[in-house]
Amino acid sequence: MSEKQRILLVDDDPNISHLVRLYLEKEGFAVTEAARGDDALKSFQQDPPALVLLDVMLPGMDGLQVLREIRKSSKAPVIMLTARDETFDKVLGLELGADDYITKPFETKELVARVKAVLRRAPAAEEPAAQDDVLRFPQLTVSLARYEVTYEGRELDMPPKELEVLYYLASHPNMVFTREQLLERVWGFDFFGDSRTVDVHIKRLREKLPECEKYGWEIHTVWRVGYKFEYKAN
């Protein structure tokens, strides 16, 4: 029997932690709990989990600070939990490298589905390189197996979801995808909420790939529809 995947659950509300833990353990996960941000960071550094469920509002160190520290050394999947239904929190969490967010109050079954969806994507970085997994365009190389992006001869620091959005668009050049399609195909689930998640990732990609249009390709916005990787081969 394979070893259980371990989730680090970080929330200072004991009622929420207890309920989420019951559901996760019922689904076959092992769970480590922390009620403070600083304790969560220590736990992560001592024994990295398969995934982190991280509340934003925490004593000791808030969730966004914890996420910043995690991203300095690890690309482990992180799902943010927040009681604030504010765009700022969601956007900032995604920009810092969170893989997903879910707003309280939430359906526990939905949370478990999100956990499974994110974990389904995570092992890809550990798998052997698949045939034709590397996309090559002028001054751009994207490897999904190695989770590496090279632009203008230098490797970019790019969170997993940003890379996956870029890879998906670039693997279908000149095809237009709606935000909902990208959420479903990159995140792997039906997204319950607004589509700003995609917009944030596109914005970050454009910042990291400046002036790319001079090489004959760019991430193009199709007004009122979505996005496409536009490529004009010479």
C-alpha atoms as a PDB file:
ATOM      1  CA  MET A   1       0.000   0.000   0.000  1.00  0.00           C
ATOM      2  CA  SER A   2       1.422   3.400  -0.976  1.00  0.00           C
ATOM      3  CA  GLU A   3       2.227   5.993   1.643  1.00  0.00           C
ATOM      4  CA  LYS A   4      -0.520   8.521   2.291  1.00  0.00           C
ATOM      5  CA  GLN A   5      -0.063  12.004   0.879  1.00  0.00           C
ATOM      6  CA  ARG A   6       0.248  14.482   3.725  1.00  0.00           C
ATOM      7  CA  ILE A   7      -1.547  17.811   3.883  1.00  0.00           C
ATOM      8  CA  LEU A   8      -0.386  20.681   6.095  1.00  0.00           C
ATOM      9  CA  LEU A   9      -3.587  22.358   7.312  1.00  0.00           C
ATOM     10  CA  VAL A  10      -3.017  25.849   8.690  1.00  0.00           C
ATOM     11  CA  ASP A  11      -6.012  27.544  10.335  1.00  0.00           C
ATOM     12  CA  ASP A  12      -6.501  29.089  13.784  1.00  0.00           C
ATOM     13  CA  ASP A  13     -10.204  28.144  13.902  1.00  0.00           C
ATOM     14  CA  PRO A  14     -10.327  24.733  15.648  1.00  0.00           C
ATOM     15  CA  ASN A  15     -13.826  23.992  14.363  1.00  0.00           C
ATOM     16  CA  ILE A  16     -12.825  24.467  10.732  1.00  0.00           C
ATOM     17  CA  SER A  17      -9.598  22.519  11.207  1.00  0.00           C
ATOM     18  CA  HIS A  18     -11.418  19.604  12.815  1.00  0.00           C
ATOM     19  CA  LEU A  19     -14.034  19.400  10.072  1.00  0.00           C
ATOM     20  CA  VAL A  20     -11.536  19.702   7.201  1.00  0.00           C
ATOM     21  CA  ARG A  21      -9.256  17.135   8.816  1.00  0.00           C
ATOM     22  CA  LEU A  22     -12.104  14.622   9.091  1.00  0.00           C
ATOM     23  CA  TYR A  23     -12.957  14.972   5.403  1.00  0.00           C
ATOM     24  CA  LEU A  24      -9.327  14.779   4.271  1.00  0.00           C
ATOM     25  CA  GLU A  25      -8.595  11.717   6.380  1.00  0.00           C
ATOM     26  CA  LYS A  26     -11.772  10.084   5.077  1.00  0.00           C
ATOM     27  CA  GLU A  27     -10.347  10.575   1.563  1.00  0.00           C
ATOM     28  CA  GLY A  28      -7.101   8.855   2.542  1.00  0.00           C
ATOM     29  CA  PHE A  29      -4.845  11.807   3.300  1.00  0.00           C
ATOM     30  CA  ALA A  30      -2.629  12.239   6.340  1.00  0.00           C
ATOM     31  CA  VAL A  31      -3.028  15.656   7.989  1.00  0.00           C
ATOM     32  CA  THR A  32      -0.664  17.826  10.024  1.00  0.00           C
ATOM     33  CA  GLU A  33      -2.221  20.859  11.698  1.00  0.00           C
ATOM     34  CA  ALA A  34      -0.862  24.263  12.682  1.00  0.00           C
ATOM     35  CA  ALA A  35      -2.749  27.210  14.185  1.00  0.00           C
ATOM     36  CA  ARG A  36      -0.033  29.852  13.819  1.00  0.00           C
ATOM     37  CA  GLY A  37       1.793  31.063  10.741  1.00  0.00           C
ATOM     38  CA  ASP A  38       5.267  30.798  12.264  1.00  0.00           C
ATOM     39  CA  ASP A  39       4.560  27.259  13.485  1.00  0.00           C
ATOM     40  CA  ALA A  40       3.291  26.322  10.028  1.00  0.00           C
ATOM     41  CA  LEU A  41       6.484  27.564   8.402  1.00  0.00           C
ATOM     42  CA  LYS A  42       8.631  25.567  10.829  1.00  0.00           C
ATOM     43  CA  SER A  43       6.566  22.462  10.179  1.00  0.00           C
ATOM     44  CA  PHE A  44       6.868  22.946   6.411  1.00  0.00           C
ATOM     45  CA  GLN A  45      10.638  23.391   6.572  1.00  0.00           C
ATOM     46  CA  GLN A  46      11.156  20.380   8.839  1.00  0.00           C
ATOM     47  CA  ASP A  47       8.922  17.979   6.902  1.00  0.00           C
ATOM     48  CA  PRO A  48       7.584  19.335   3.573  1.00  0.00           C
ATOM     49  CA  PRO A  49       4.022  18.122   2.855  1.00  0.00           C
ATOM     50  CA  ALA A  50       2.435  17.215  -0.467  1.00  0.00           C
ATOM     51  CA  LEU A  51       0.193  20.289  -0.246  1.00  0.00           C
ATOM     52  CA  VAL A  52      -0.547  23.216   2.075  1.00  0.00           C
ATOM     53  CA  LEU A  53      -4.016  24.519   2.965  1.00  0.00           C
ATOM     54  CA  LEU A  54      -3.172  27.987   4.249  1.00  0.00           C
ATOM     55  CA  ASP A  55      -5.477  30.479   5.918  1.00  0.00           C
ATOM     56  CA  VAL A  56      -4.751  34.162   5.262  1.00  0.00           C
ATOM     57  CA  MET A  57      -5.583  35.501   8.741  1.00  0.00           C
ATOM     58  CA  LEU A  58      -3.233  33.847  11.239  1.00  0.00           C
ATOM     59  CA  PRO A  59      -1.476  34.794  14.472  1.00  0.00           C
ATOM     60  CA  GLY A  60       2.316  34.902  14.556  1.00  0.00           C
ATOM     61  CA  MET A  61       2.701  35.393  10.803  1.00  0.00           C
ATOM     62  CA  ASP A  62      -0.101  35.877   8.311  1.00  0.00           C
ATOM     63  CA  GLY A  63      -0.716  33.432   5.498  1.00  0.00           C
ATOM     64  CA  LEU A  64       0.655  35.676   2.775  1.00  0.00           C
ATOM     65  CA  GLN A  65       3.947  36.004   4.662  1.00  0.00           C
ATOM     66  CA  VAL A  66       4.078  32.235   5.072  1.00  0.00           C
ATOM     67  CA  LEU A  67       3.467  31.811   1.349  1.00  0.00           C
ATOM     68  CA  ARG A  68       6.280  34.247   0.522  1.00  0.00           C
ATOM     69  CA  GLU A  69       8.698  32.220   2.661  1.00  0.00           C
ATOM     70  CA  ILE A  70       7.564  28.893   1.174  1.00  0.00           C
ATOM     71  CA  ARG A  71       8.049  30.176  -2.367  1.00  0.00           C
ATOM     72  CA  LYS A  72      11.644  31.172  -1.649  1.00  0.00           C
ATOM     73  CA  SER A  73      12.616  27.495  -1.581  1.00  0.00           C
ATOM     74  CA  SER A  74       9.703  25.358  -2.749  1.00  0.00           C
ATOM     75  CA  LYS A  75       7.072  24.984  -5.472  1.00  0.00           C
ATOM     76  CA  ALA A  76       4.872  22.778  -3.278  1.00  0.00           C
ATOM     77  CA  PRO A  77       1.160  23.296  -4.043  1.00  0.00           C
ATOM     78  CA  VAL A  78      -0.552  25.884  -1.817  1.00  0.00           C
ATOM     79  CA  ILE A  79      -4.287  26.555  -1.595  1.00  0.00           C
ATOM     80  CA  MET A  80      -5.187  29.752   0.246  1.00  0.00           C
ATOM     81  CA  LEU A  81      -8.186  29.872   2.583  1.00  0.00           C
ATOM     82  CA  THR A  82      -9.649  33.277   3.269  1.00  0.00           C
ATOM     83  CA  ALA A  83     -12.640  34.654   5.128  1.00  0.00           C
ATOM     84  CA  ARG A  84     -12.387  37.846   3.118  1.00  0.00           C
ATOM     85  CA  ASP A  85     -14.209  37.821  -0.180  1.00  0.00           C
ATOM     86  CA  GLU A  86     -11.974  40.598  -1.458  1.00  0.00           C
ATOM     87  CA  THR A  87     -10.261  40.661  -4.831  1.00  0.00           C
ATOM     88  CA  PHE A  88      -7.086  42.117  -3.308  1.00  0.00           C
ATOM     89  CA  ASP A  89      -6.451  39.076  -1.113  1.00  0.00           C
ATOM     90  CA  LYS A  90      -7.103  36.658  -3.946  1.00  0.00           C
ATOM     91  CA  VAL A  91      -4.981  38.491  -6.491  1.00  0.00           C
ATOM     92  CA  LEU A  92      -2.086  39.022  -4.084  1.00  0.00           C
ATOM     93  CA  GLY A  93      -2.110  35.357  -3.080  1.00  0.00           C
ATOM     94  CA  LEU A  94      -2.018  34.253  -6.714  1.00  0.00           C
ATOM     95  CA  GLU A  95       0.730  36.731  -7.559  1.00  0.00           C
ATOM     96  CA  LEU A  96       2.814  35.351  -4.685  1.00  0.00           C
ATOM     97  CA  GLY A  97       2.501  31.859  -6.160  1.00  0.00           C
ATOM     98  CA  ALA A  98      -0.599  30.261  -4.644  1.00  0.00           C
ATOM     99  CA  ASP A  99      -2.076  27.511  -6.816  1.00  0.00           C
ATOM    100  CA  ASP A 100      -5.666  28.222  -5.856  1.00  0.00           C
ATOM    101  CA  TYR A 101      -7.816  29.991  -3.282  1.00  0.00           C
ATOM    102  CA  ILE A 102     -11.167  29.255  -1.699  1.00  0.00           C
ATOM    103  CA  THR A 103     -13.308  31.688   0.256  1.00  0.00           C
ATOM    104  CA  LYS A 104     -14.932  30.879   3.590  1.00  0.00           C
ATOM    105  CA  PRO A 105     -17.528  29.670   4.190  1.00  0.00           C
ATOM    106  CA  PHE A 106     -16.876  26.810   1.780  1.00  0.00           C
ATOM    107  CA  GLU A 107     -18.328  23.412   1.068  1.00  0.00           C
ATOM    108  CA  THR A 108     -15.920  20.834   2.481  1.00  0.00           C
ATOM    109  CA  LYS A 109     -16.514  18.509  -0.462  1.00  0.00           C
ATOM    110  CA  GLU A 110     -15.534  21.300  -2.837  1.00  0.00           C
ATOM    111  CA  LEU A 111     -12.347  21.909  -0.845  1.00  0.00           C
ATOM    112  CA  VAL A 112     -11.430  18.217  -1.060  1.00  0.00           C
ATOM    113  CA  ALA A 113     -12.089  18.301  -4.820  1.00  0.00           C
ATOM    114  CA  ARG A 114      -9.772  21.297  -5.160  1.00  0.00           C
ATOM    115  CA  VAL A 115      -7.062  19.508  -3.166  1.00  0.00           C
ATOM    116  CA  LYS A 116      -7.282  16.457  -5.411  1.00  0.00           C
ATOM    117  CA  ALA A 117      -7.250  18.570  -8.566  1.00  0.00           C
ATOM    118  CA  VAL A 118      -4.136  20.498  -7.517  1.00  0.00           C
ATOM    119  CA  LEU A 119      -2.350  17.316  -6.446  1.00  0.00           C
ATOM    120  CA  ARG A 120      -3.133  15.653  -9.769  1.00  0.00           C
ATOM    121  CA  ARG A 121      -1.102  18.369 -11.445  1.00  0.00           C
ATOM    122  CA  ALA A 122       1.791  18.431  -8.969  1.00  0.00           C
ATOM    123  CA  PRO A 123       3.481  15.059  -9.747  1.00  0.00           C
ATOM    124  CA  ALA A 124       4.091  16.104 -13.344  1.00  0.00           C
ATOM    125  CA  ALA A 125       7.313  17.847 -12.311  1.00  0.00           C
ATOM    126  CA  GLU A 126       8.673  14.570 -10.943  1.00  0.00           C
ATOM    127  CA  GLU A 127       7.783  12.405 -13.924  1.00  0.00           C
ATOM    128  CA  PRO A 128      10.265  11.560 -16.688  1.00  0.00           C
ATOM    129  CA  ALA A 129      10.205  13.902 -19.636  1.00  0.00           C
ATOM    130  CA  ALA A 130       7.447  13.006 -22.035  1.00  0.00           C
ATOM    131  CA  GLN A 131       8.039  12.934 -25.764  1.00  0.00           C
ATOM    132  CA  ASP A 132       7.580  16.340 -27.392  1.00  0.00           C
ATOM    133  CA  ASP A 133       6.954  17.993 -24.022  1.00  0.00           C
ATOM    134  CA  VAL A 134       9.288  20.899 -24.922  1.00  0.00           C
ATOM    135  CA  LEU A 135       7.801  23.814 -26.836  1.00  0.00           C
ATOM    136  CA  ARG A 136      10.217  25.988 -28.816  1.00  0.00           C
ATOM    137  CA  PHE A 137       9.565  29.400 -30.313  1.00  0.00           C
ATOM    138  CA  PRO A 138      12.005  32.192 -31.183  1.00  0.00           C
ATOM    139  CA  GLN A 139      13.766  33.130 -27.915  1.00  0.00           C
ATOM    140  CA  LEU A 140      11.314  30.998 -25.886  1.00  0.00           C
ATOM    141  CA  THR A 141      11.533  27.413 -24.626  1.00  0.00           C
ATOM    142  CA  VAL A 142       8.926  25.861 -22.314  1.00  0.00           C
ATOM    143  CA  SER A 143       9.473  22.428 -20.736  1.00  0.00           C
ATOM    144  CA  LEU A 144       6.529  20.976 -18.847  1.00  0.00           C
ATOM    145  CA  ALA A 145       8.433  17.910 -17.642  1.00  0.00           C
ATOM    146  CA  ARG A 146      11.237  19.999 -16.099  1.00  0.00           C
ATOM    147  CA  TYR A 147       9.004  22.977 -15.274  1.00  0.00           C
ATOM    148  CA  GLU A 148      11.461  25.353 -16.904  1.00  0.00           C
ATOM    149  CA  VAL A 149      10.952  28.428 -19.069  1.00  0.00           C
ATOM    150  CA  THR A 150      13.824  30.071 -20.915  1.00  0.00           C
ATOM    151  CA  TYR A 151      13.353  33.504 -22.486  1.00  0.00           C
ATOM    152  CA  GLU A 152      16.055  35.402 -24.350  1.00  0.00           C
ATOM    153  CA  GLY A 153      18.649  32.903 -23.163  1.00  0.00           C
ATOM    154  CA  ARG A 154      17.885  33.050 -19.435  1.00  0.00           C
ATOM    155  CA  GLU A 155      15.773  30.816 -17.234  1.00  0.00           C
ATOM    156  CA  LEU A 156      12.768  32.546 -15.676  1.00  0.00           C
ATOM    157  CA  ASP A 157      11.536  32.108 -12.126  1.00  0.00           C
ATOM    158  CA  MET A 158       7.951  31.054 -12.728  1.00  0.00           C
ATOM    159  CA  PRO A 159       5.390  29.460 -10.368  1.00  0.00           C
ATOM    160  CA  PRO A 160       3.899  26.157 -11.608  1.00  0.00           C
ATOM    161  CA  LYS A 161       0.482  27.519 -12.560  1.00  0.00           C
ATOM    162  CA  GLU A 162       1.943  30.383 -14.590  1.00  0.00           C
ATOM    163  CA  LEU A 163       4.076  27.893 -16.494  1.00  0.00           C
ATOM    164  CA  GLU A 164       1.105  25.585 -17.058  1.00  0.00           C
ATOM    165  CA  VAL A 165      -1.015  28.428 -18.441  1.00  0.00           C
ATOM    166  CA  LEU A 166       1.803  29.420 -20.791  1.00  0.00           C
ATOM    167  CA  TYR A 167       2.400  25.813 -21.855  1.00  0.00           C
ATOM    168  CA  TYR A 168      -1.272  25.168 -22.532  1.00  0.00           C
ATOM    169  CA  LEU A 169      -1.713  28.303 -24.631  1.00  0.00           C
ATOM    170  CA  ALA A 170       1.568  27.827 -26.492  1.00  0.00           C
ATOM    171  CA  SER A 171       0.792  24.176 -27.234  1.00  0.00           C
ATOM    172  CA  HIS A 172      -2.314  25.394 -29.111  1.00  0.00           C
ATOM    173  CA  PRO A 173      -0.936  28.371 -31.064  1.00  0.00           C
ATOM    174  CA  ASN A 174      -3.490  30.810 -32.479  1.00  0.00           C
ATOM    175  CA  MET A 175      -6.410  29.043 -30.761  1.00  0.00           C
ATOM    176  CA  VAL A 176      -8.614  31.191 -28.531  1.00  0.00           C
ATOM    177  CA  PHE A 177      -9.600  29.939 -25.066  1.00  0.00           C
ATOM    178  CA  THR A 178     -12.100  31.493 -22.691  1.00  0.00           C
ATOM    179  CA  ARG A 179     -11.120  32.060 -19.072  1.00  0.00           C
ATOM    180  CA  GLU A 180     -13.480  29.273 -18.033  1.00  0.00           C
ATOM    181  CA  GLN A 181     -11.837  26.834 -20.457  1.00  0.00           C
ATOM    182  CA  LEU A 182      -8.387  27.683 -19.122  1.00  0.00           C
ATOM    183  CA  LEU A 183      -9.547  27.244 -15.530  1.00  0.00           C
ATOM    184  CA  GLU A 184     -10.976  23.836 -16.320  1.00  0.00           C
ATOM    185  CA  ARG A 185      -8.066  22.593 -18.433  1.00  0.00           C
ATOM    186  CA  VAL A 186      -5.154  24.013 -16.446  1.00  0.00           C
ATOM    187  CA  TRP A 187      -6.530  23.856 -12.914  1.00  0.00           C
ATOM    188  CA  GLY A 188      -8.450  20.673 -13.619  1.00  0.00           C
ATOM    189  CA  PHE A 189     -11.798  21.495 -12.046  1.00  0.00           C
ATOM    190  CA  ASP A 190     -14.914  23.574 -12.562  1.00  0.00           C
ATOM    191  CA  PHE A 191     -14.028  26.855 -10.923  1.00  0.00           C
ATOM    192  CA  PHE A 192     -16.532  28.259  -8.433  1.00  0.00           C
ATOM    193  CA  GLY A 193     -16.015  31.991  -8.481  1.00  0.00           C
ATOM    194  CA  ASP A 194     -14.849  34.805 -10.737  1.00  0.00           C
ATOM    195  CA  SER A 195     -12.306  34.336 -13.522  1.00  0.00           C
ATOM    196  CA  ARG A 196      -9.745  36.873 -12.270  1.00  0.00           C
ATOM    197  CA  THR A 197      -7.468  33.947 -11.500  1.00  0.00           C
ATOM    198  CA  VAL A 198      -6.630  33.628 -15.201  1.00  0.00           C
ATOM    199  CA  ASP A 199      -6.248  37.379 -15.650  1.00  0.00           C
ATOM    200  CA  VAL A 200      -3.704  37.530 -12.818  1.00  0.00           C
ATOM    201  CA  HIS A 201      -1.611  34.747 -14.337  1.00  0.00           C
ATOM    202  CA  ILE A 202      -1.730  36.316 -17.804  1.00  0.00           C
ATOM    203  CA  LYS A 203      -0.660  39.659 -16.349  1.00  0.00           C
ATOM    204  CA  ARG A 204       2.314  38.030 -14.621  1.00  0.00           C
ATOM    205  CA  LEU A 205       3.313  36.165 -17.776  1.00  0.00           C
ATOM    206  CA  ARG A 206       3.303  39.356 -19.819  1.00  0.00           C
ATOM    207  CA  GLU A 207       5.511  41.055 -17.232  1.00  0.00           C
ATOM    208  CA  LYS A 208       8.021  38.205 -17.515  1.00  0.00           C
ATOM    209  CA  LEU A 209       7.914  38.079 -21.330  1.00  0.00           C
ATOM    210  CA  PRO A 210       8.278  41.761 -22.319  1.00  0.00           C
ATOM    211  CA  GLU A 211       8.567  42.843 -25.934  1.00  0.00           C
ATOM    212  CA  CYS A 212       8.013  39.264 -27.087  1.00  0.00           C
ATOM    213  CA  GLU A 213       5.979  40.383 -30.106  1.00  0.00           C
ATOM    214  CA  LYS A 214       9.224  41.279 -31.923  1.00  0.00           C
ATOM    215  CA  TYR A 215       9.942  37.519 -32.048  1.00  0.00           C
ATOM    216  CA  GLY A 216       6.649  36.794 -33.807  1.00  0.00           C
ATOM    217  CA  TRP A 217       4.631  35.587 -30.829  1.00  0.00           C
ATOM    218  CA  GLU A 218       2.705  37.009 -27.889  1.00  0.00           C
ATOM    219  CA  ILE A 219      -0.112  36.262 -25.446  1.00  0.00           C
ATOM    220  CA  HIS A 220      -2.966  38.105 -27.069  1.00  0.00           C
ATOM    221  CA  THR A 221      -6.257  39.219 -25.518  1.00  0.00           C
ATOM    222  CA  VAL A 222      -9.308  38.525 -27.649  1.00  0.00           C
ATOM    223  CA  TRP A 223     -11.789  41.145 -26.510  1.00  0.00           C
ATOM    224  CA  ARG A 224     -14.792  39.712 -24.634  1.00  0.00           C
ATOM    225  CA  VAL A 225     -13.668  36.158 -25.376  1.00  0.00           C
ATOM    226  CA  GLY A 226     -10.390  35.200 -23.732  1.00  0.00           C
ATOM    227  CA  TYR A 227      -6.747  34.654 -24.623  1.00  0.00           C
ATOM    228  CA  LYS A 228      -4.582  33.026 -27.244  1.00  0.00           C
ATOM    229  CA  PHE A 229      -0.882  32.437 -27.906  1.00  0.00           C
ATOM    230  CA  GLU A 230      -0.507  34.235 -31.210  1.00  0.00           C
ATOM    231  CA  TYR A 231       2.355  32.964 -33.348  1.00  0.00           C
ATOM    232  CA  LYS A 232       3.313  34.231 -36.765  1.00  0.00           C
ATOM    233  CA  ALA A 233       5.923  31.838 -38.113  1.00  0.00           C
ATOM    234  CA  ASN A 234       8.393  33.389 -40.514  1.00  0.00           C
END
